[in-house]
Amino acid sequence: MKLNFVTKQLSSLGRWLATMLVGLLAIAFIWQGAFTTAALASPNPTLIASRDAGDQVQQKTREGARDAKGFIRDTANKVERTADRNASRVDRATDNKGSGGFFSRRAKIDRDRIHMRAEQDAARTQRAVDNSRNAVERAVDDIKDALD
């Protein structure tokens, strides 16, 4: 069924975007703190990888993960609303003709299946975002511990 293909592609795209966003945020904030002229010219080499930079990376990672989760939840809600609209259109179309029992039931079954899969995909993608965020935070903690 094409709708299942579309929802799988949307969830796959959401996971990929969330992982990419978290990774890019981590790289960007580490890069930003590592190559400032003040840090390079400073006699204190710990400015490049200070605890504050690590805390900033972790905070930005958390914010990015929160934003990605919001995007994932919005996408799941839009898919569910579309399924509801499609089911109600089928109901309206079949009510006027009087022979809508089979099509109406089928539309409701499809709607329920789409709701279930949207929730499953959203939960799976949010777990992937959490895992990515945790991996970045562990890496930052390991780097901070190594520099202490």
Protein backbone atom coordinates (compact mmCIF):
# COMPACT_ATOMS: atom_id res chain seq x y z
CA MET A 1 0.00 0.00 0.00
CA LYS A 2 1.46 3.34 -0.97
CA LEU A 3 0.49 5.09 2.24
CA ASN A 4 2.54 2.64 4.30
CA PHE A 5 5.47 3.24 2.00
CA VAL A 6 5.09 7.00 2.50
CA THR A 7 4.90 6.74 6.28
CA LYS A 8 7.94 4.45 6.38
CA GLN A 9 9.85 6.92 4.23
CA LEU A 10 8.77 9.83 6.46
CA SER A 11 9.86 8.04 9.61
CA SER A 12 13.15 7.04 8.00
CA LEU A 13 13.70 10.62 6.89
CA GLY A 14 12.86 11.88 10.39
CA ARG A 15 15.36 9.52 12.01
CA TRP A 16 18.03 10.45 9.51
CA LEU A 17 17.41 14.18 9.96
CA ALA A 18 17.42 13.89 13.76
CA THR A 19 20.68 11.94 13.79
CA MET A 20 22.27 14.33 11.31
CA LEU A 21 21.08 17.35 13.30
CA VAL A 22 22.51 16.07 16.57
CA GLY A 23 25.82 15.16 14.95
CA LEU A 24 26.14 18.46 13.12
CA LEU A 25 25.33 20.41 16.26
CA ALA A 26 28.02 18.59 18.19
CA ILE A 27 30.60 19.14 15.47
CA ALA A 28 29.63 22.77 14.99
CA PHE A 29 29.91 23.69 18.64
CA ILE A 30 33.16 21.86 19.14
CA TRP A 31 34.54 23.49 15.99
CA GLN A 32 33.34 26.93 17.07
CA GLY A 33 35.10 26.73 20.42
CA ALA A 34 38.29 25.15 19.11
CA PHE A 35 39.37 27.72 16.55
CA THR A 36 38.83 31.10 18.10
CA THR A 37 41.84 33.41 18.00
CA ALA A 38 41.60 34.08 21.73
CA ALA A 39 41.93 30.37 22.44
CA LEU A 40 44.84 29.91 20.05
CA ALA A 41 46.75 32.90 21.39
CA SER A 42 46.10 32.12 25.04
CA PRO A 43 48.92 30.74 27.17
CA ASN A 44 46.39 28.51 28.90
CA PRO A 45 45.74 25.51 26.63
CA THR A 46 42.65 24.38 28.52
CA LEU A 47 40.61 27.17 26.92
CA ILE A 48 40.26 25.07 23.78
CA ALA A 49 38.49 22.21 25.52
CA SER A 50 37.21 23.73 28.72
CA ARG A 51 34.41 22.38 30.84
CA ASP A 52 32.25 25.29 29.73
CA ALA A 53 32.63 24.28 26.08
CA GLY A 54 31.66 20.73 26.97
CA ASP A 55 28.67 21.93 28.94
CA GLN A 56 27.65 24.13 26.01
CA VAL A 57 27.89 21.21 23.61
CA GLN A 58 25.77 19.06 25.92
CA GLN A 59 23.19 21.83 26.32
CA LYS A 60 23.00 22.42 22.58
CA THR A 61 22.70 18.68 22.01
CA ARG A 62 19.80 18.54 24.45
CA GLU A 63 18.13 21.49 22.71
CA GLY A 64 18.65 19.91 19.30
CA ALA A 65 17.22 16.62 20.51
CA ARG A 66 14.22 18.41 22.00
CA ASP A 67 13.60 20.25 18.72
CA ALA A 68 14.01 17.05 16.72
CA LYS A 69 11.54 15.27 18.99
CA GLY A 70 9.07 18.11 18.50
CA PHE A 71 9.46 17.79 14.74
CA ILE A 72 8.94 14.03 14.94
CA ARG A 73 5.82 14.44 17.10
CA ASP A 74 4.42 17.09 14.70
CA THR A 75 5.00 14.79 11.73
CA ALA A 76 3.24 11.90 13.46
CA ASN A 77 0.30 14.17 14.33
CA LYS A 78 0.04 15.37 10.72
CA VAL A 79 0.01 11.79 9.45
CA GLU A 80 -2.71 10.91 11.95
CA ARG A 81 -4.80 13.97 11.01
CA THR A 82 -4.50 13.06 7.34
CA ALA A 83 -5.65 9.51 8.06
CA ASP A 84 -8.63 10.88 10.01
CA ARG A 85 -9.56 13.21 7.14
CA ASN A 86 -9.30 10.41 4.60
CA ALA A 87 -11.48 8.11 6.69
CA SER A 88 -14.11 10.82 7.17
CA ARG A 89 -14.12 11.53 3.42
CA VAL A 90 -14.76 7.87 2.72
CA ASP A 91 -17.56 7.91 5.30
CA ARG A 92 -19.17 10.94 3.70
CA ALA A 93 -18.81 9.55 0.19
CA THR A 94 -20.28 6.18 1.10
CA ASP A 95 -23.10 7.58 3.26
CA ASN A 96 -24.55 9.37 0.24
CA LYS A 97 -24.60 6.20 -1.87
CA GLY A 98 -26.01 3.89 0.75
CA SER A 99 -23.58 1.02 0.06
CA GLY A 100 -20.64 2.14 2.13
CA GLY A 101 -20.41 -0.59 4.71
CA PHE A 102 -17.36 -2.38 3.35
CA PHE A 103 -15.49 0.75 2.25
CA SER A 104 -16.28 2.59 5.44
CA ARG A 105 -15.04 -0.29 7.61
CA ARG A 106 -11.93 -0.65 5.48
CA ALA A 107 -11.18 3.09 5.76
CA LYS A 108 -11.52 2.91 9.55
CA ILE A 109 -9.24 -0.13 9.75
CA ASP A 110 -6.67 1.66 7.59
CA ARG A 111 -6.98 4.78 9.73
CA ASP A 112 -6.37 2.79 12.91
CA ARG A 113 -3.40 1.01 11.35
CA ILE A 114 -1.91 4.33 10.22
CA HIS A 115 -2.36 5.77 13.72
CA MET A 116 -0.64 2.75 15.26
CA ARG A 117 2.27 2.83 12.81
CA ALA A 118 2.71 6.59 13.13
CA GLU A 119 2.98 6.21 16.91
CA GLN A 120 5.41 3.31 16.58
CA ASP A 121 7.57 5.17 14.07
CA ALA A 122 7.57 8.32 16.17
CA ALA A 123 8.56 6.37 19.29
CA ARG A 124 11.31 4.52 17.42
CA THR A 125 12.66 7.75 15.95
CA GLN A 126 12.58 9.49 19.32
CA ARG A 127 14.53 6.60 20.85
CA ALA A 128 17.10 7.00 18.06
CA VAL A 129 17.36 10.72 18.85
CA ASP A 130 17.84 9.90 22.55
CA ASN A 131 20.52 7.34 21.71
CA SER A 132 22.35 9.84 19.51
CA ARG A 133 22.12 12.53 22.15
CA ASN A 134 23.39 10.14 24.82
CA ALA A 135 26.29 9.08 22.61
CA VAL A 136 27.32 12.71 22.08
CA GLU A 137 27.01 13.48 25.78
CA ARG A 138 29.08 10.41 26.70
CA ALA A 139 31.74 11.44 24.19
CA VAL A 140 31.86 14.96 25.64
CA ASP A 141 32.07 13.57 29.18
CA ASP A 142 34.89 11.23 28.14
CA ILE A 143 36.77 14.12 26.57
CA LYS A 144 36.27 16.30 29.66
CA ASP A 145 37.46 13.45 31.90
CA ALA A 146 40.51 12.85 29.72
CA LEU A 147 41.53 16.51 29.90
CA ASP A 148 41.18 16.73 33.67
